[in-house]
Amino acid sequence: MPQVQAAWERGQVLFQEDLAHAMTNPEEMEYLSMIDFAEDCYAVADARKTYPYDRMLQAWATSGYMLAWWRHVLAEEDASVS
């Protein structure tokens, strides 16, 4: 299962890379902050580019990406409430 773990972790790294890029562009940040866009246009696209021939690893990378996305969104919500 090391490949699965690596794909899941890679998905989280891909999110951090996309987030860093989006923070320099308000319009892109707006898209990344919407769950449908985050999953369909960012997570899935990154996973397909990273693992073009392995649907299972694509799914795990997407899962890791979305976990990182949720953590980011929840942290942002916590910060805005405080």
Protein backbone atom coordinates (compact mmCIF):
# COMPACT_ATOMS: atom_id res chain seq x y z
CA MET A 1 0.00 0.00 0.00
CA PRO A 2 2.95 2.43 -0.13
CA GLN A 3 1.83 3.71 -3.54
CA VAL A 4 -1.63 4.50 -2.20
CA GLN A 5 -0.19 6.35 0.79
CA ALA A 6 2.18 8.26 -1.48
CA ALA A 7 -0.68 9.25 -3.84
CA TRP A 8 -2.81 10.41 -0.91
CA GLU A 9 0.06 12.49 0.45
CA ARG A 10 0.85 13.81 -3.04
CA GLY A 11 -2.74 15.02 -3.31
CA GLN A 12 -2.23 17.10 -0.18
CA VAL A 13 0.96 18.58 -1.62
CA LEU A 14 -0.83 19.37 -4.87
CA PHE A 15 -3.43 21.32 -2.91
CA GLN A 16 -0.75 23.32 -1.12
CA GLU A 17 0.85 24.14 -4.48
CA ASP A 18 -2.48 25.23 -5.97
CA LEU A 19 -3.27 27.26 -2.86
CA ALA A 20 0.07 29.07 -3.00
CA HIS A 21 -0.54 29.89 -6.66
CA ALA A 22 -4.16 30.96 -6.09
CA MET A 23 -3.19 33.30 -3.26
CA THR A 24 -1.52 35.53 -5.84
CA ASN A 25 -4.69 35.75 -7.96
CA PRO A 26 -7.98 36.72 -6.27
CA GLU A 27 -10.12 35.34 -9.10
CA GLU A 28 -8.40 31.97 -8.96
CA MET A 29 -8.67 31.94 -5.16
CA GLU A 30 -12.41 32.47 -5.52
CA TYR A 31 -12.66 29.38 -7.74
CA LEU A 32 -10.44 27.27 -5.48
CA SER A 33 -12.61 28.14 -2.50
CA MET A 34 -15.71 26.55 -4.09
CA ILE A 35 -15.90 22.82 -3.43
CA ASP A 36 -17.19 21.88 -6.90
CA PHE A 37 -14.43 23.80 -8.65
CA ALA A 38 -11.82 22.60 -6.17
CA GLU A 39 -12.65 18.98 -6.83
CA ASP A 40 -13.53 18.99 -10.51
CA CYS A 41 -11.15 21.61 -11.87
CA TYR A 42 -8.21 21.33 -9.52
CA ALA A 43 -8.06 18.03 -7.60
CA VAL A 44 -9.17 15.71 -10.39
CA ALA A 45 -7.11 17.55 -13.02
CA ASP A 46 -3.97 17.44 -10.87
CA ALA A 47 -4.50 13.77 -10.07
CA ARG A 48 -4.93 12.88 -13.75
CA LYS A 49 -1.76 14.77 -14.67
CA THR A 50 0.18 13.14 -11.83
CA TYR A 51 -1.13 9.59 -12.38
CA PRO A 52 -2.32 9.52 -16.01
CA TYR A 53 -2.66 5.73 -16.27
CA ASP A 54 -3.80 4.70 -12.81
CA ARG A 55 -7.37 5.49 -11.79
CA MET A 56 -6.92 4.11 -8.30
CA LEU A 57 -4.00 6.44 -7.59
CA GLN A 58 -5.94 9.30 -9.16
CA ALA A 59 -8.75 8.63 -6.69
CA TRP A 60 -6.37 8.57 -3.73
CA ALA A 61 -4.61 11.74 -4.85
CA THR A 62 -8.00 13.44 -5.24
CA SER A 63 -8.98 12.25 -1.77
CA GLY A 64 -5.78 13.64 -0.25
CA TYR A 65 -6.28 16.91 -2.11
CA MET A 66 -9.81 17.32 -0.84
CA LEU A 67 -8.77 16.46 2.72
CA ALA A 68 -6.23 19.29 2.57
CA TRP A 69 -8.88 21.53 1.01
CA TRP A 70 -11.33 20.80 3.87
CA ARG A 71 -8.66 21.42 6.48
CA HIS A 72 -7.88 24.77 4.86
CA VAL A 73 -11.54 25.78 4.63
CA LEU A 74 -12.23 24.79 8.23
CA ALA A 75 -9.16 26.71 9.44
CA GLU A 76 -10.35 29.76 7.50
CA GLU A 77 -13.81 29.48 9.05
CA ASP A 78 -12.34 29.10 12.54
CA ALA A 79 -10.18 32.17 11.98
CA SER A 80 -13.14 34.24 10.80
CA VAL A 81 -15.25 33.22 13.80
CA SER A 82 -12.55 34.11 16.33
